[in-house]
């Protein structure tokens, strides 16, 4: 019988850009701009500068070292892209870009490598979505992203893919929560698994073999990393279910599910603050946020590690209270708000402590009914998914059966993700001391798939890139990337960073 890695490798190793729908190719271009903007933001932070002092510039002569740095800088501020399933771009964009000059990739080949890496990494991640690791804590996503992103650029045969995946998933990284949130180890959340994947590529190149049943074997990867394994997700709808379509683009730093609340905070700042009369914490009598279970759980976990101005940045980017207070009082949320200067602002901390975060059942139901980040996995699981829901709900209160009952029946799995949505709702309510009361609600944040009546993704991503100091020339080059020669790709990459980066 053909194993999961054999079937996946047979498809991914021969995929060409002509086989890929145009909208998927366009999304990959957006990923390049968005992810490199996240890298630039990470590089602009003092911890990013320390990372570069330790491991070198983002683009350097050694492509493996370059991939390590790019993936680290792009991930740790939580300014990276999200998809069903996984924060893919930290490896699926970083590795092909790092190897583009060494492999002499044309623009067409570079885009193909990114999309193949997306599809491969998302599928293996989807198979573990109903497990203890999700989002950025699913570090193993980047083992696959690195392997696929590099091997597609090498035009490696399918058997090489099978061996490399078998080697890489023989000892996959496993996130330790306290290390992830309490300290600076989150900087390595993507870069360490990228290195594992690239080492596996080096090993298979000299003839080392990996198990072809590493994913589905009773003692294989899924048995150790999934509560409810979904092996069928690895190969479901090859060539029709384009996971790249599920990509959403972050427009603010900050952890999962917080984007809608931050968008509302920025909107309310514009409404409540006036020229010459800034909004102050002391002007606000009461403030609350109603949101989904996922966002509420993340906020609760992050709060355990916050220490005011001494809070680790890794936990701070997961704090709904801190990020919302910052957006509301200052009218922005950027890299500087996670530096010493931002953390020293006692007024935002005073407001953050007073924000009441409340669970909204309707928003929770909608979160699990849309495709991203959990719904599609629950649809595939059918009745099997109820136990995972029960465990997830128990992490909030009771035995978790309340969440099973709340979610109820789910729609069938998506055929091609063309209508996929990422619904992470929030309602922000403020009562001012002068008697004014305002309430705003948003279900799909800026940059996420499924938003209605919001600016087009292309403009949002371009603004994100330019907002981090990126050049118009590079953005224009990415728009026409599929027409670029290998020489033109190499020249384009010289425009990514300032010369001193």
Protein backbone atom coordinates (compact mmCIF):
# COMPACT_ATOMS: atom_id res chain seq x y z
CA UNK A 1 0.00 0.00 0.00
CA UNK A 2 1.10 3.57 -0.67
CA UNK A 3 1.91 5.38 2.56
CA UNK A 4 0.80 8.93 3.38
CA UNK A 5 4.24 10.41 2.80
CA UNK A 6 4.61 8.49 -0.47
CA UNK A 7 1.29 9.79 -1.79
CA UNK A 8 1.96 13.35 -0.63
CA UNK A 9 5.51 13.30 -1.98
CA UNK A 10 4.40 11.90 -5.34
CA UNK A 11 2.06 14.86 -5.80
CA UNK A 12 4.22 17.64 -4.34
CA UNK A 13 7.44 16.67 -6.08
CA UNK A 14 6.03 17.19 -9.59
CA UNK A 15 3.63 20.10 -9.05
CA UNK A 16 4.16 22.98 -11.47
CA UNK A 17 2.91 26.55 -11.36
CA UNK A 18 0.66 25.86 -14.36
CA UNK A 19 -1.17 23.29 -12.20
CA UNK A 20 -2.03 25.88 -9.55
CA UNK A 21 -5.08 28.21 -9.66
CA UNK A 22 -4.31 31.87 -10.24
CA UNK A 23 -5.81 33.03 -6.93
CA UNK A 24 -3.53 30.64 -5.05
CA UNK A 25 -0.48 32.07 -6.83
CA UNK A 26 -1.63 35.58 -5.92
CA UNK A 27 -1.93 34.58 -2.27
CA UNK A 28 1.65 33.29 -2.33
CA UNK A 29 2.81 36.71 -3.57
CA UNK A 30 0.95 38.30 -0.66
CA UNK A 31 2.73 35.91 1.67
CA UNK A 32 6.12 37.11 0.50
CA UNK A 33 5.34 40.75 1.24
CA UNK A 34 3.54 40.04 4.49
CA UNK A 35 6.12 37.67 5.89
CA UNK A 36 9.08 39.84 4.98
CA UNK A 37 7.29 42.75 6.66
CA UNK A 38 7.09 40.57 9.79
CA UNK A 39 10.82 39.85 9.45
CA UNK A 40 11.59 43.55 9.16
CA UNK A 41 9.48 44.26 12.26
CA UNK A 42 11.25 41.50 14.18
CA UNK A 43 14.61 42.85 13.09
CA UNK A 44 13.65 46.33 14.31
CA UNK A 45 13.15 45.09 17.90
CA UNK A 46 16.09 44.98 20.37
CA UNK A 47 15.68 41.22 20.79
CA UNK A 48 15.74 40.83 17.01
CA UNK A 49 19.02 42.73 16.91
CA UNK A 50 20.45 40.36 19.54
CA UNK A 51 19.26 37.41 17.45
CA UNK A 52 21.11 38.78 14.42
CA UNK A 53 24.26 39.37 16.47
CA UNK A 54 24.14 35.71 17.45
CA UNK A 55 23.25 34.14 14.13
CA UNK A 56 23.99 36.61 11.36
CA UNK A 57 22.03 38.70 8.87
CA UNK A 58 18.64 37.60 7.49
CA UNK A 59 20.12 37.08 4.02
CA UNK A 60 23.66 35.71 4.07
CA UNK A 61 25.91 33.43 2.05
CA UNK A 62 24.92 30.23 3.88
CA UNK A 63 21.27 29.62 2.89
CA UNK A 64 20.60 27.31 5.85
CA UNK A 65 21.81 29.98 8.26
CA UNK A 66 19.77 32.57 6.39
CA UNK A 67 16.63 30.41 6.66
CA UNK A 68 17.23 30.02 10.40
CA UNK A 69 17.41 33.79 10.93
CA UNK A 70 14.50 34.64 8.61
CA UNK A 71 12.21 32.15 10.32
CA UNK A 72 13.15 33.36 13.79
CA UNK A 73 12.72 37.06 13.06
CA UNK A 74 9.41 36.56 11.29
CA UNK A 75 7.65 34.53 13.94
CA UNK A 76 8.23 35.74 17.45
CA UNK A 77 6.22 39.02 17.44
CA UNK A 78 3.19 37.10 16.16
CA UNK A 79 3.07 39.38 13.12
CA UNK A 80 3.19 36.37 10.78
CA UNK A 81 0.53 34.86 8.53
CA UNK A 82 -1.92 32.19 9.67
CA UNK A 83 -3.71 29.47 7.73
CA UNK A 84 -5.59 26.23 8.09
CA UNK A 85 -3.52 24.74 9.34
CA UNK A 86 -0.54 26.47 10.93
CA UNK A 87 1.61 29.60 10.83
CA UNK A 88 3.11 28.43 7.57
CA UNK A 89 5.12 31.32 6.16
CA UNK A 90 7.84 31.21 8.82
CA UNK A 91 9.23 28.23 6.92
CA UNK A 92 7.30 27.98 3.66
CA UNK A 93 8.33 31.49 2.62
CA UNK A 94 11.57 31.83 4.58
CA UNK A 95 13.27 28.69 3.24
CA UNK A 96 12.56 29.20 -0.49
CA UNK A 97 13.69 32.83 -0.20
CA UNK A 98 16.86 31.83 1.63
CA UNK A 99 17.72 29.22 -1.04
CA UNK A 100 16.54 31.20 -4.09
CA UNK A 101 19.99 32.46 -5.06
CA UNK A 102 21.83 29.20 -4.33
CA UNK A 103 19.25 27.20 -6.28
CA UNK A 104 19.08 29.91 -8.98
CA UNK A 105 15.30 29.92 -8.90
CA UNK A 106 13.25 31.86 -11.40
CA UNK A 107 10.23 33.71 -10.07
CA UNK A 108 8.01 30.89 -11.29
CA UNK A 109 10.11 28.29 -9.47
CA UNK A 110 10.21 30.39 -6.29
CA UNK A 111 6.43 30.73 -6.20
CA UNK A 112 6.05 27.01 -6.87
CA UNK A 113 8.36 26.17 -3.97
CA UNK A 114 6.38 28.41 -1.62
CA UNK A 115 3.01 26.97 -2.61
CA UNK A 116 4.22 23.37 -2.49
CA UNK A 117 5.68 24.04 0.95
CA UNK A 118 2.38 25.60 2.07
CA UNK A 119 0.33 22.68 0.90
CA UNK A 120 2.64 20.05 2.35
CA UNK A 121 3.13 21.70 5.74
CA UNK A 122 -0.54 22.62 6.13
CA UNK A 123 -1.68 19.07 5.48
CA UNK A 124 0.57 17.43 8.05
CA UNK A 125 -0.30 20.18 10.53
CA UNK A 126 -4.02 19.69 9.85
CA UNK A 127 -3.65 16.03 10.76
CA UNK A 128 -2.62 17.12 14.28
CA UNK A 129 -4.94 20.12 14.75
CA UNK A 130 -7.05 18.22 17.27
CA UNK A 131 -4.16 17.85 19.67
CA UNK A 132 -2.19 19.72 22.30
CA UNK A 133 -0.24 21.89 19.84
CA UNK A 134 -1.81 24.63 17.76
CA UNK A 135 -0.77 27.84 16.05
CA UNK A 136 2.83 28.72 16.73
CA UNK A 137 3.17 26.03 19.38
CA UNK A 138 2.91 23.46 16.55
CA UNK A 139 6.61 23.86 15.86
CA UNK A 140 6.75 20.70 13.76
CA UNK A 141 4.89 22.58 11.00
CA UNK A 142 8.25 24.06 10.04
CA UNK A 143 10.01 20.73 9.75
CA UNK A 144 7.72 20.05 6.81
CA UNK A 145 7.85 23.62 5.51
CA UNK A 146 11.63 23.58 5.43
CA UNK A 147 11.83 20.17 3.76
CA UNK A 148 9.25 20.94 1.09
CA UNK A 149 10.48 24.47 0.51
CA UNK A 150 14.00 23.28 -0.15
CA UNK A 151 13.36 20.00 -1.98
CA UNK A 152 10.93 21.54 -4.47
CA UNK A 153 13.60 24.09 -5.39
CA UNK A 154 16.05 21.24 -5.96
CA UNK A 155 13.50 19.38 -8.10
CA UNK A 156 14.18 16.36 -5.88
CA UNK A 157 12.50 13.03 -6.76
CA UNK A 158 9.62 11.69 -4.69
CA UNK A 159 11.68 9.04 -2.91
CA UNK A 160 14.01 11.74 -1.59
CA UNK A 161 10.98 13.49 -0.11
CA UNK A 162 9.84 10.29 1.57
CA UNK A 163 13.25 9.70 3.13
CA UNK A 164 13.62 13.32 4.23
CA UNK A 165 10.19 13.49 5.85
CA UNK A 166 10.89 10.18 7.56
CA UNK A 167 14.15 11.54 8.94
CA UNK A 168 12.75 14.92 9.96
CA UNK A 169 9.75 13.49 11.76
CA UNK A 170 11.78 10.85 13.54
CA UNK A 171 12.72 13.47 16.18
CA UNK A 172 10.37 16.46 15.70
CA UNK A 173 10.57 19.47 18.07
CA UNK A 174 8.01 19.68 20.85
CA UNK A 175 7.07 23.01 22.43
CA UNK A 176 7.35 23.41 26.22
CA UNK A 177 4.75 26.01 27.28
CA UNK A 178 6.74 27.72 30.03
CA UNK A 179 9.73 28.07 27.71
CA UNK A 180 7.50 29.40 24.96
CA UNK A 181 5.93 32.11 27.13
CA UNK A 182 8.39 32.90 29.92
CA UNK A 183 11.61 34.13 28.37
CA UNK A 184 13.01 34.53 24.88
CA UNK A 185 12.98 30.91 23.68
CA UNK A 186 10.01 31.78 21.43
CA UNK A 187 12.59 33.31 19.09
CA UNK A 188 13.51 29.72 18.22
CA UNK A 189 9.93 28.48 17.79
CA UNK A 190 10.24 28.36 14.01
CA UNK A 191 13.99 28.50 13.45
CA UNK A 192 14.84 25.33 15.40
CA UNK A 193 12.37 23.12 13.46
CA UNK A 194 13.54 24.73 10.22
CA UNK A 195 17.04 23.60 11.08
CA UNK A 196 15.74 20.07 11.79
CA UNK A 197 14.11 19.99 8.37
CA UNK A 198 17.19 21.30 6.58
CA UNK A 199 19.43 18.82 8.40
CA UNK A 200 17.10 16.06 7.21
CA UNK A 201 17.54 17.34 3.65
CA UNK A 202 21.33 17.15 4.03
CA UNK A 203 21.04 13.63 5.44
CA UNK A 204 18.85 12.29 2.66
CA UNK A 205 21.16 13.87 0.07
CA UNK A 206 23.95 11.50 1.13
CA UNK A 207 21.70 8.44 1.21
CA UNK A 208 20.29 8.28 4.74
CA UNK A 209 16.79 6.80 4.73
CA UNK A 210 13.69 7.59 6.77
CA UNK A 211 10.65 5.50 7.62
CA UNK A 212 7.99 5.71 4.91
CA UNK A 213 5.26 5.17 7.53
CA UNK A 214 6.47 7.87 9.91
CA UNK A 215 3.13 9.74 9.90
CA UNK A 216 0.49 7.03 10.28
CA UNK A 217 2.31 4.17 12.03
CA UNK A 218 0.78 3.19 15.41
CA UNK A 219 3.99 4.45 17.01
CA UNK A 220 4.55 7.24 14.48
CA UNK A 221 4.24 11.01 14.49
CA UNK A 222 0.46 11.29 14.78
CA UNK A 223 0.36 8.88 17.71
CA UNK A 224 2.57 11.26 19.69
CA UNK A 225 1.36 14.68 18.55
CA UNK A 226 -2.41 14.38 18.02
CA UNK A 227 -5.21 13.73 20.50
CA UNK A 228 -7.55 12.84 17.65
CA UNK A 229 -5.31 11.96 14.66
CA UNK A 230 -6.64 12.89 11.23
CA UNK A 231 -4.39 10.94 8.83
CA UNK A 232 -6.89 11.51 6.02
CA UNK A 233 -6.12 15.25 6.13
CA UNK A 234 -2.60 14.60 4.79
CA UNK A 235 -3.79 13.63 1.31
CA UNK A 236 -7.43 14.76 1.15
CA UNK A 237 -8.24 16.55 -2.10
CA UNK A 238 -4.73 16.84 -3.52
CA UNK A 239 -4.96 19.38 -6.31
CA UNK A 240 -8.42 20.65 -5.27
CA UNK A 241 -8.21 21.56 -1.57
CA UNK A 242 -5.71 24.43 -1.74
CA UNK A 243 -4.72 25.23 1.85
CA UNK A 244 -2.91 28.34 0.63
CA UNK A 245 -6.38 29.85 0.08
CA UNK A 246 -6.98 29.82 3.83
CA UNK A 247 -4.14 32.26 4.53
CA UNK A 248 -4.96 35.31 6.63
CA UNK A 249 -2.59 38.24 7.00
CA UNK A 250 -1.77 39.92 10.28
CA UNK A 251 -1.83 43.71 10.29
CA UNK A 252 -0.80 44.08 13.95
CA UNK A 253 1.60 42.15 16.17
CA UNK A 254 -0.34 40.04 18.65
CA UNK A 255 -1.48 36.54 19.40
CA UNK A 256 -4.35 34.40 18.13
CA UNK A 257 -7.88 35.73 18.03
CA UNK A 258 -6.98 39.22 19.27
CA UNK A 259 -7.04 40.99 15.91
CA UNK A 260 -10.73 41.92 15.93
CA UNK A 261 -10.45 43.47 19.39
CA UNK A 262 -7.34 45.42 18.34
CA UNK A 263 -9.09 46.66 15.18
CA UNK A 264 -11.95 47.88 17.37
CA UNK A 265 -9.55 49.52 19.81
CA UNK A 266 -8.01 51.52 16.98
CA UNK A 267 -11.44 52.51 15.68
CA UNK A 268 -12.59 53.60 19.14
CA UNK A 269 -9.42 55.63 19.64
CA UNK A 270 -10.22 57.60 16.50
CA UNK A 271 -13.75 58.17 17.77
CA UNK A 272 -13.03 59.02 21.41
CA UNK A 273 -9.73 60.91 21.20
CA UNK A 274 -9.75 64.46 19.85
CA UNK A 275 -6.91 66.76 18.75
CA UNK A 276 -5.39 68.35 21.83
CA UNK A 277 -7.35 66.01 24.10
CA UNK A 278 -5.85 62.51 24.07
CA UNK A 279 -7.77 59.59 25.47
CA UNK A 280 -6.59 58.77 29.00
CA UNK A 281 -7.14 55.71 31.16
CA UNK A 282 -8.66 57.90 33.86
CA UNK A 283 -11.39 59.03 31.42
CA UNK A 284 -12.72 55.46 31.16
CA UNK A 285 -15.12 54.22 33.83
CA UNK A 286 -15.60 50.66 32.53
CA UNK A 287 -14.26 48.60 29.64
CA UNK A 288 -15.05 45.03 28.61
CA UNK A 289 -14.31 42.64 25.75
CA UNK A 290 -16.61 39.78 24.78
CA UNK A 291 -14.80 37.21 22.68
CA UNK A 292 -14.53 33.53 21.81
CA UNK A 293 -13.25 30.74 24.02
CA UNK A 294 -9.97 30.49 22.10
CA UNK A 295 -9.05 34.13 22.66
CA UNK A 296 -10.17 34.02 26.29
CA UNK A 297 -8.06 30.91 26.97
CA UNK A 298 -4.96 32.44 25.37
CA UNK A 299 -5.44 35.64 27.42
CA UNK A 300 -5.73 33.63 30.63
CA UNK A 301 -2.58 31.63 29.88
CA UNK A 302 -0.55 34.72 28.96
CA UNK A 303 -1.63 36.54 32.12
CA UNK A 304 0.23 33.96 34.23
CA UNK A 305 3.55 35.24 32.86
CA UNK A 306 2.98 39.01 32.86
CA UNK A 307 5.03 41.12 35.24
CA UNK A 308 4.17 44.65 34.14
CA UNK A 309 7.14 46.46 32.61
CA UNK A 310 9.26 43.33 33.19
CA UNK A 311 6.94 41.06 31.19
CA UNK A 312 8.59 38.78 28.61
CA UNK A 313 7.71 39.83 25.08
CA UNK A 314 6.78 36.23 24.30
CA UNK A 315 3.86 36.41 26.73
CA UNK A 316 3.04 40.04 26.02
CA UNK A 317 2.11 39.40 22.38
CA UNK A 318 -0.55 36.98 23.67
CA UNK A 319 -2.08 39.50 26.07
CA UNK A 320 -5.42 40.79 24.82
CA UNK A 321 -5.59 43.29 27.68
CA UNK A 322 -2.18 44.87 26.99
CA UNK A 323 -2.57 45.04 23.21
CA UNK A 324 -6.11 46.43 23.40
CA UNK A 325 -5.16 49.03 26.01
CA UNK A 326 -2.24 50.11 23.83
CA UNK A 327 -4.37 50.39 20.68
CA UNK A 328 -7.11 52.28 22.49
CA UNK A 329 -4.87 54.82 24.21
CA UNK A 330 -2.24 55.39 21.51
CA UNK A 331 -4.10 54.69 18.25
CA UNK A 332 -1.50 52.18 17.10
CA UNK A 333 0.08 48.82 17.86
CA UNK A 334 3.56 48.26 16.47
CA UNK A 335 6.99 46.85 17.29
CA UNK A 336 7.82 49.75 19.58
CA UNK A 337 4.95 48.84 21.89
CA UNK A 338 6.80 45.65 22.81
CA UNK A 339 10.05 47.42 23.68
CA UNK A 340 11.22 48.90 26.97
CA UNK A 341 9.74 52.30 26.12
CA UNK A 342 6.28 50.89 25.48
CA UNK A 343 6.37 48.63 28.52
CA UNK A 344 7.28 51.56 30.76
CA UNK A 345 3.96 53.29 30.01
CA UNK A 346 2.14 52.91 33.33
CA UNK A 347 -1.11 54.32 31.95
CA UNK A 348 -1.66 51.47 29.49
CA UNK A 349 -0.93 48.94 32.23
CA UNK A 350 -3.46 50.68 34.48
CA UNK A 351 -6.12 50.39 31.78
CA UNK A 352 -5.14 46.82 30.87
CA UNK A 353 -5.72 45.66 34.45
CA UNK A 354 -9.28 46.99 34.33
CA UNK A 355 -10.33 45.32 31.07
CA UNK A 356 -12.91 42.63 31.72
CA UNK A 357 -12.51 39.75 29.23
CA UNK A 358 -15.72 37.74 28.94
CA UNK A 359 -16.63 34.56 27.08
CA UNK A 360 -19.28 34.98 24.38
CA UNK A 361 -21.04 31.76 23.43
CA UNK A 362 -22.24 32.89 20.01
CA UNK A 363 -18.72 33.95 19.04
CA UNK A 364 -17.39 30.66 20.35
CA UNK A 365 -19.87 28.67 18.28
CA UNK A 366 -19.01 30.67 15.17
CA UNK A 367 -15.28 30.17 15.77
CA UNK A 368 -15.68 26.41 15.63
CA UNK A 369 -18.12 26.49 12.72
CA UNK A 370 -15.81 28.40 10.35
CA UNK A 371 -12.90 26.61 8.70
CA UNK A 372 -9.94 28.36 10.35
CA UNK A 373 -8.32 27.50 12.73
CA UNK A 374 -10.27 24.48 14.10
CA UNK A 375 -13.53 24.05 12.25
CA UNK A 376 -12.26 22.18 9.22
CA UNK A 377 -10.45 19.65 11.42
CA UNK A 378 -13.65 19.10 13.41
CA UNK A 379 -15.59 18.63 10.19
CA UNK A 380 -13.15 15.97 9.04
CA UNK A 381 -13.22 14.28 12.43
CA UNK A 382 -17.00 14.05 12.65
CA UNK A 383 -18.01 12.27 15.85
CA UNK A 384 -14.37 11.72 16.78
CA UNK A 385 -13.95 15.46 17.35
CA UNK A 386 -16.34 15.59 20.32
CA UNK A 387 -13.73 14.27 22.74
CA UNK A 388 -11.26 16.96 21.72
CA UNK A 389 -13.96 19.63 22.12
CA UNK A 390 -14.78 18.23 25.54
CA UNK A 391 -11.15 18.47 26.62
CA UNK A 392 -10.82 21.97 25.20
CA UNK A 393 -13.93 23.13 27.02
CA UNK A 394 -12.78 21.55 30.26
CA UNK A 395 -9.77 23.83 30.16
CA UNK A 396 -12.17 26.72 30.76
CA UNK A 397 -14.79 25.25 33.11
CA UNK A 398 -16.59 22.06 34.07
CA UNK A 399 -16.11 18.79 32.26
CA UNK A 400 -16.24 20.42 28.83
CA UNK A 401 -19.52 18.89 27.70
CA UNK A 402 -20.93 22.42 27.52
CA UNK A 403 -18.68 23.11 24.51
CA UNK A 404 -19.75 19.93 22.70
CA UNK A 405 -23.39 20.94 23.17
CA UNK A 406 -22.70 24.54 22.15
CA UNK A 407 -20.92 23.64 18.89
CA UNK A 408 -23.51 21.07 17.86
CA UNK A 409 -23.62 19.77 14.31
CA UNK A 410 -21.01 21.01 11.84
CA UNK A 411 -21.19 21.42 8.05
CA UNK A 412 -19.34 18.96 5.79
CA UNK A 413 -15.63 19.44 4.99
CA UNK A 414 -14.73 22.11 2.46
CA UNK A 415 -14.23 20.97 -1.11
CA UNK A 416 -11.64 23.55 -2.16
CA UNK A 417 -11.49 26.28 0.54
CA UNK A 418 -12.75 28.89 -1.91
CA UNK A 419 -15.25 30.13 0.71
CA UNK A 420 -13.08 29.60 3.79
CA UNK A 421 -13.43 32.07 6.69
CA UNK A 422 -11.50 32.92 9.81
CA UNK A 423 -14.04 34.27 12.29
CA UNK A 424 -12.45 35.50 15.52
CA UNK A 425 -15.06 37.88 16.85
CA UNK A 426 -14.90 40.54 19.53
CA UNK A 427 -17.18 43.13 21.08
CA UNK A 428 -15.58 46.08 22.89
CA UNK A 429 -17.78 48.13 25.20
CA UNK A 430 -16.65 51.33 26.94
CA UNK A 431 -18.41 53.59 29.41
CA UNK A 432 -16.73 56.96 29.81
CA UNK A 433 -16.79 58.98 33.01
CA UNK A 434 -18.44 61.84 31.13
CA UNK A 435 -21.48 59.62 30.54
CA UNK A 436 -20.80 58.50 26.97
CA UNK A 437 -21.09 54.80 26.16
CA UNK A 438 -19.83 53.10 23.00
CA UNK A 439 -19.96 49.53 21.78
CA UNK A 440 -18.41 48.07 18.63
CA UNK A 441 -18.40 44.51 17.32
CA UNK A 442 -16.37 42.78 14.60
CA UNK A 443 -16.39 39.14 13.52
CA UNK A 444 -13.60 38.98 10.89
CA UNK A 445 -10.57 41.24 11.41
CA UNK A 446 -8.66 43.23 8.83
CA UNK A 447 -6.52 41.00 6.61
CA UNK A 448 -8.36 37.78 7.44
CA UNK A 449 -10.15 35.62 4.91
CA UNK A 450 -13.92 35.93 4.83
CA UNK A 451 -14.14 39.62 5.65
CA UNK A 452 -16.95 41.54 3.96
CA UNK A 453 -16.78 45.22 3.13
CA UNK A 454 -13.13 45.55 4.16
CA UNK A 455 -10.16 46.73 2.07
CA UNK A 456 -8.85 44.16 -0.46
CA UNK A 457 -6.11 41.88 0.85
CA UNK A 458 -3.62 43.09 -1.77
CA UNK A 459 -3.80 46.65 -0.47
CA UNK A 460 -3.67 45.54 3.17
CA UNK A 461 -0.53 43.48 2.60
CA UNK A 462 1.19 46.17 0.57
CA UNK A 463 0.48 48.72 3.31
CA UNK A 464 1.91 46.31 5.89
CA UNK A 465 5.09 45.97 3.83
CA UNK A 466 5.50 49.70 3.28
CA UNK A 467 4.67 50.35 6.93
CA UNK A 468 7.77 48.45 8.02
CA UNK A 469 10.00 50.48 5.69
CA UNK A 470 9.82 48.16 2.69
CA UNK A 471 10.25 49.66 -0.76
CA UNK A 472 7.69 50.18 -3.51
CA UNK A 473 10.20 48.72 -5.98
CA UNK A 474 10.28 45.38 -4.18
CA UNK A 475 6.48 45.26 -3.90
CA UNK A 476 6.17 45.99 -7.63
CA UNK A 477 8.67 43.22 -8.36
CA UNK A 478 6.70 40.69 -6.34
CA UNK A 479 3.54 41.59 -8.28
CA UNK A 480 5.28 40.36 -11.45
CA UNK A 481 7.34 37.62 -9.84
CA UNK A 482 6.20 34.76 -12.07
CA UNK A 483 7.85 36.54 -15.03
CA UNK A 484 11.21 37.09 -13.30
CA UNK A 485 14.40 35.31 -14.36
CA UNK A 486 16.75 33.82 -11.77
CA UNK A 487 18.99 36.86 -12.15
CA UNK A 488 16.04 39.19 -11.58
CA UNK A 489 14.98 37.23 -8.48
CA UNK A 490 18.49 37.62 -7.09
CA UNK A 491 18.43 41.35 -7.68
CA UNK A 492 14.97 41.65 -6.15
CA UNK A 493 16.17 40.02 -2.94
CA UNK A 494 18.81 42.72 -2.52
CA UNK A 495 15.94 45.18 -2.02
CA UNK A 496 14.44 43.39 0.98
CA UNK A 497 16.58 44.93 3.72
CA UNK A 498 18.57 48.07 4.27
CA UNK A 499 22.23 47.49 3.48
CA UNK A 500 23.18 47.56 7.14
CA UNK A 501 20.70 44.80 8.07
